[in-house]
């Protein structure tokens, strides 16, 4: 299920999206807890939400675009719910892990100096949050980008 709302009030705009995803269930072979005698644990079949498919995903975009200035700025808040992934043991047996939900804040702006030159910039992961989209791989920290566009 996907929903979308778009609203504009004067110099301010709001876009909001929400997705509920009931991904096809997957049967996964997982490793249970190691027995007390030290033997190899027996695999267990479980049903789980599809790997790397969060049930809940949402985003909000707040935009400021004043009529008196050649400026446009947008603050984006992205939410990704918890999701399952595979971790592999030293013997390459899969182990179901749950990656925690995360929220990322991004900011971007553009300013038109004249009809031919625009300055722009953006900050991704403004709060420098640590999160994982794939088990064992950290996502990038805060990143800042800036530049200029020239139109002929």
C-alpha atoms as a PDB file:
ATOM      1  CA  UNK A   1       0.000   0.000   0.000  1.00  0.00           C
ATOM      2  CA  UNK A   2       1.425   3.371  -0.977  1.00  0.00           C
ATOM      3  CA  UNK A   3       0.075   6.784  -0.055  1.00  0.00           C
ATOM      4  CA  UNK A   4       1.110  10.278  -1.067  1.00  0.00           C
ATOM      5  CA  UNK A   5       0.105  13.767   0.073  1.00  0.00           C
ATOM      6  CA  UNK A   6       1.179  17.043  -1.477  1.00  0.00           C
ATOM      7  CA  UNK A   7       0.238  20.439  -0.046  1.00  0.00           C
ATOM      8  CA  UNK A   8       1.303  24.014  -0.698  1.00  0.00           C
ATOM      9  CA  UNK A   9       0.653  26.948   1.615  1.00  0.00           C
ATOM     10  CA  UNK A  10       2.126  30.193   0.343  1.00  0.00           C
ATOM     11  CA  UNK A  11       5.909  29.888   0.305  1.00  0.00           C
ATOM     12  CA  UNK A  12       5.894  26.456   1.947  1.00  0.00           C
ATOM     13  CA  UNK A  13       5.320  23.036   0.474  1.00  0.00           C
ATOM     14  CA  UNK A  14       4.915  19.596   2.006  1.00  0.00           C
ATOM     15  CA  UNK A  15       5.189  16.213   0.336  1.00  0.00           C
ATOM     16  CA  UNK A  16       4.622  13.091   2.400  1.00  0.00           C
ATOM     17  CA  UNK A  17       4.765   9.447   1.386  1.00  0.00           C
ATOM     18  CA  UNK A  18       4.174   6.209   3.256  1.00  0.00           C
ATOM     19  CA  UNK A  19       4.559   2.628   2.074  1.00  0.00           C
ATOM     20  CA  UNK A  20       3.375  -0.515   3.830  1.00  0.00           C
ATOM     21  CA  UNK A  21       4.976  -3.559   2.242  1.00  0.00           C
ATOM     22  CA  UNK A  22       3.917  -7.075   3.084  1.00  0.00           C
ATOM     23  CA  UNK A  23       6.675  -8.726   1.045  1.00  0.00           C
ATOM     24  CA  UNK A  24       6.182 -12.326   0.010  1.00  0.00           C
ATOM     25  CA  UNK A  25       7.106 -14.560   2.889  1.00  0.00           C
ATOM     26  CA  UNK A  26      10.324 -16.485   2.519  1.00  0.00           C
ATOM     27  CA  UNK A  27      11.274 -19.775   4.094  1.00  0.00           C
ATOM     28  CA  UNK A  28      14.805 -19.466   5.409  1.00  0.00           C
ATOM     29  CA  UNK A  29      17.123 -22.065   6.839  1.00  0.00           C
ATOM     30  CA  UNK A  30      18.639 -20.623   9.966  1.00  0.00           C
ATOM     31  CA  UNK A  31      21.020 -21.784  12.614  1.00  0.00           C
ATOM     32  CA  UNK A  32      19.570 -22.238  16.059  1.00  0.00           C
ATOM     33  CA  UNK A  33      21.441 -21.822  19.341  1.00  0.00           C
ATOM     34  CA  UNK A  34      24.447 -24.087  19.837  1.00  0.00           C
ATOM     35  CA  UNK A  35      23.627 -27.127  21.980  1.00  0.00           C
ATOM     36  CA  UNK A  36      25.340 -27.376  25.369  1.00  0.00           C
ATOM     37  CA  UNK A  37      27.409 -30.356  24.149  1.00  0.00           C
ATOM     38  CA  UNK A  38      29.141 -28.126  21.544  1.00  0.00           C
ATOM     39  CA  UNK A  39      27.704 -29.955  18.545  1.00  0.00           C
ATOM     40  CA  UNK A  40      26.530 -28.097  15.456  1.00  0.00           C
ATOM     41  CA  UNK A  41      23.059 -26.635  15.924  1.00  0.00           C
ATOM     42  CA  UNK A  42      20.284 -28.036  13.780  1.00  0.00           C
ATOM     43  CA  UNK A  43      18.937 -25.765  11.040  1.00  0.00           C
ATOM     44  CA  UNK A  44      15.487 -24.354  11.595  1.00  0.00           C
ATOM     45  CA  UNK A  45      13.021 -23.273   8.903  1.00  0.00           C
ATOM     46  CA  UNK A  46      11.320 -19.941   9.584  1.00  0.00           C
ATOM     47  CA  UNK A  47       8.986 -17.670   7.696  1.00  0.00           C
ATOM     48  CA  UNK A  48       9.994 -14.035   7.571  1.00  0.00           C
ATOM     49  CA  UNK A  49       9.402 -10.782   5.719  1.00  0.00           C
ATOM     50  CA  UNK A  50      11.473 -10.700   2.530  1.00  0.00           C
ATOM     51  CA  UNK A  51      15.097  -9.826   3.119  1.00  0.00           C
ATOM     52  CA  UNK A  52      15.995  -6.140   2.901  1.00  0.00           C
ATOM     53  CA  UNK A  53      12.322  -5.243   2.549  1.00  0.00           C
ATOM     54  CA  UNK A  54      11.068  -3.027   5.356  1.00  0.00           C
ATOM     55  CA  UNK A  55       7.363  -3.193   6.149  1.00  0.00           C
ATOM     56  CA  UNK A  56       7.206   0.550   6.812  1.00  0.00           C
ATOM     57  CA  UNK A  57       8.897   3.281   4.760  1.00  0.00           C
ATOM     58  CA  UNK A  58       8.036   6.973   4.909  1.00  0.00           C
ATOM     59  CA  UNK A  59       9.392  10.336   3.840  1.00  0.00           C
ATOM     60  CA  UNK A  60       8.556  13.991   4.409  1.00  0.00           C
ATOM     61  CA  UNK A  61       9.794  16.875   2.280  1.00  0.00           C
ATOM     62  CA  UNK A  62       9.416  20.405   3.643  1.00  0.00           C
ATOM     63  CA  UNK A  63      10.150  23.004   0.957  1.00  0.00           C
ATOM     64  CA  UNK A  64      10.613  26.744   1.350  1.00  0.00           C
ATOM     65  CA  UNK A  65      10.449  28.810  -1.840  1.00  0.00           C
ATOM     66  CA  UNK A  66       9.919  32.512  -1.142  1.00  0.00           C
ATOM     67  CA  UNK A  67       8.508  34.606  -3.971  1.00  0.00           C
ATOM     68  CA  UNK A  68      10.816  37.527  -3.088  1.00  0.00           C
ATOM     69  CA  UNK A  69      14.012  35.480  -3.443  1.00  0.00           C
ATOM     70  CA  UNK A  70      15.373  33.152  -6.145  1.00  0.00           C
ATOM     71  CA  UNK A  71      15.814  30.456  -3.485  1.00  0.00           C
ATOM     72  CA  UNK A  72      14.497  26.952  -2.978  1.00  0.00           C
ATOM     73  CA  UNK A  73      15.374  24.885   0.108  1.00  0.00           C
ATOM     74  CA  UNK A  74      14.088  21.436   1.032  1.00  0.00           C
ATOM     75  CA  UNK A  75      14.454  19.480   4.259  1.00  0.00           C
ATOM     76  CA  UNK A  76      13.850  15.759   3.758  1.00  0.00           C
ATOM     77  CA  UNK A  77      13.210  13.241   6.531  1.00  0.00           C
ATOM     78  CA  UNK A  78      13.370   9.590   5.442  1.00  0.00           C
ATOM     79  CA  UNK A  79      12.278   6.686   7.644  1.00  0.00           C
ATOM     80  CA  UNK A  80      13.077   3.053   6.892  1.00  0.00           C
ATOM     81  CA  UNK A  81      11.543   0.474   9.236  1.00  0.00           C
ATOM     82  CA  UNK A  82      13.356  -2.528  10.622  1.00  0.00           C
ATOM     83  CA  UNK A  83      14.149  -5.241   8.117  1.00  0.00           C
ATOM     84  CA  UNK A  84      15.574  -8.735   7.954  1.00  0.00           C
ATOM     85  CA  UNK A  85      18.871  -9.698   6.390  1.00  0.00           C
ATOM     86  CA  UNK A  86      21.198 -12.678   6.276  1.00  0.00           C
ATOM     87  CA  UNK A  87      24.412 -12.869   8.238  1.00  0.00           C
ATOM     88  CA  UNK A  88      26.696 -15.745   7.403  1.00  0.00           C
ATOM     89  CA  UNK A  89      28.723 -17.738   9.899  1.00  0.00           C
ATOM     90  CA  UNK A  90      32.308 -18.850   9.257  1.00  0.00           C
ATOM     91  CA  UNK A  91      30.875 -22.022   7.667  1.00  0.00           C
ATOM     92  CA  UNK A  92      28.649 -19.873   5.376  1.00  0.00           C
ATOM     93  CA  UNK A  93      25.429 -20.887   7.068  1.00  0.00           C
ATOM     94  CA  UNK A  94      22.832 -18.122   7.029  1.00  0.00           C
ATOM     95  CA  UNK A  95      21.704 -16.540  10.254  1.00  0.00           C
ATOM     96  CA  UNK A  96      18.639 -14.304  10.283  1.00  0.00           C
ATOM     97  CA  UNK A  97      19.390 -10.856  11.685  1.00  0.00           C
ATOM     98  CA  UNK A  98      17.106  -7.894  12.084  1.00  0.00           C
ATOM     99  CA  UNK A  99      18.480  -4.525  11.068  1.00  0.00           C
ATOM    100  CA  UNK A 100      17.054  -1.698  13.177  1.00  0.00           C
ATOM    101  CA  UNK A 101      14.888   1.059  11.767  1.00  0.00           C
ATOM    102  CA  UNK A 102      16.563   4.339  10.946  1.00  0.00           C
ATOM    103  CA  UNK A 103      15.701   7.919  10.089  1.00  0.00           C
ATOM    104  CA  UNK A 104      17.880  10.099   7.863  1.00  0.00           C
ATOM    105  CA  UNK A 105      17.653  13.874   7.440  1.00  0.00           C
ATOM    106  CA  UNK A 106      18.861  15.573   4.260  1.00  0.00           C
ATOM    107  CA  UNK A 107      18.933  19.262   3.357  1.00  0.00           C
ATOM    108  CA  UNK A 108      19.324  20.815  -0.071  1.00  0.00           C
ATOM    109  CA  UNK A 109      19.126  24.353  -1.423  1.00  0.00           C
ATOM    110  CA  UNK A 110      19.551  26.213  -4.678  1.00  0.00           C
ATOM    111  CA  UNK A 111      19.963  29.955  -5.278  1.00  0.00           C
ATOM    112  CA  UNK A 112      19.702  31.598  -8.701  1.00  0.00           C
ATOM    113  CA  UNK A 113      22.265  34.377  -8.947  1.00  0.00           C
ATOM    114  CA  UNK A 114      20.859  35.342 -12.349  1.00  0.00           C
ATOM    115  CA  UNK A 115      18.990  33.500 -15.130  1.00  0.00           C
ATOM    116  CA  UNK A 116      22.228  31.773 -16.173  1.00  0.00           C
ATOM    117  CA  UNK A 117      24.007  30.908 -12.888  1.00  0.00           C
ATOM    118  CA  UNK A 118      22.690  28.859  -9.993  1.00  0.00           C
ATOM    119  CA  UNK A 119      24.529  27.894  -6.797  1.00  0.00           C
ATOM    120  CA  UNK A 120      23.414  24.718  -5.083  1.00  0.00           C
ATOM    121  CA  UNK A 121      24.318  22.548  -2.149  1.00  0.00           C
ATOM    122  CA  UNK A 122      23.114  19.613  -0.140  1.00  0.00           C
ATOM    123  CA  UNK A 123      23.896  17.817   3.090  1.00  0.00           C
ATOM    124  CA  UNK A 124      23.062  14.130   3.268  1.00  0.00           C
ATOM    125  CA  UNK A 125      22.655  12.397   6.627  1.00  0.00           C
ATOM    126  CA  UNK A 126      22.662  15.758   8.392  1.00  0.00           C
ATOM    127  CA  UNK A 127      22.729  14.222  11.895  1.00  0.00           C
ATOM    128  CA  UNK A 128      25.582  11.854  10.911  1.00  0.00           C
ATOM    129  CA  UNK A 129      23.515   8.828  12.002  1.00  0.00           C
ATOM    130  CA  UNK A 130      24.936   5.322  11.756  1.00  0.00           C
ATOM    131  CA  UNK A 131      22.711   2.741  10.115  1.00  0.00           C
ATOM    132  CA  UNK A 132      22.870  -0.372   7.960  1.00  0.00           C
ATOM    133  CA  UNK A 133      20.907  -1.180   4.828  1.00  0.00           C
ATOM    134  CA  UNK A 134      22.877  -4.435   4.394  1.00  0.00           C
ATOM    135  CA  UNK A 135      24.151  -6.428   7.369  1.00  0.00           C
ATOM    136  CA  UNK A 136      27.842  -5.804   8.003  1.00  0.00           C
ATOM    137  CA  UNK A 137      28.083  -2.711   5.782  1.00  0.00           C
ATOM    138  CA  UNK A 138      27.787   0.691   7.402  1.00  0.00           C
ATOM    139  CA  UNK A 139      26.173   3.396   5.314  1.00  0.00           C
ATOM    140  CA  UNK A 140      27.955   6.672   4.629  1.00  0.00           C
ATOM    141  CA  UNK A 141      28.109   9.298   7.335  1.00  0.00           C
ATOM    142  CA  UNK A 142      27.382  12.970   6.781  1.00  0.00           C
ATOM    143  CA  UNK A 143      28.292  14.218   3.308  1.00  0.00           C
ATOM    144  CA  UNK A 144      28.300  17.794   2.009  1.00  0.00           C
ATOM    145  CA  UNK A 145      28.104  18.709  -1.676  1.00  0.00           C
ATOM    146  CA  UNK A 146      28.146  22.142  -3.343  1.00  0.00           C
ATOM    147  CA  UNK A 147      28.403  23.413  -6.867  1.00  0.00           C
ATOM    148  CA  UNK A 148      27.248  25.774  -9.562  1.00  0.00           C
ATOM    149  CA  UNK A 149      25.177  25.324 -12.706  1.00  0.00           C
ATOM    150  CA  UNK A 150      25.702  27.479 -15.741  1.00  0.00           C
ATOM    151  CA  UNK A 151      22.919  27.708 -18.337  1.00  0.00           C
ATOM    152  CA  UNK A 152      23.483  29.113 -21.810  1.00  0.00           C
END
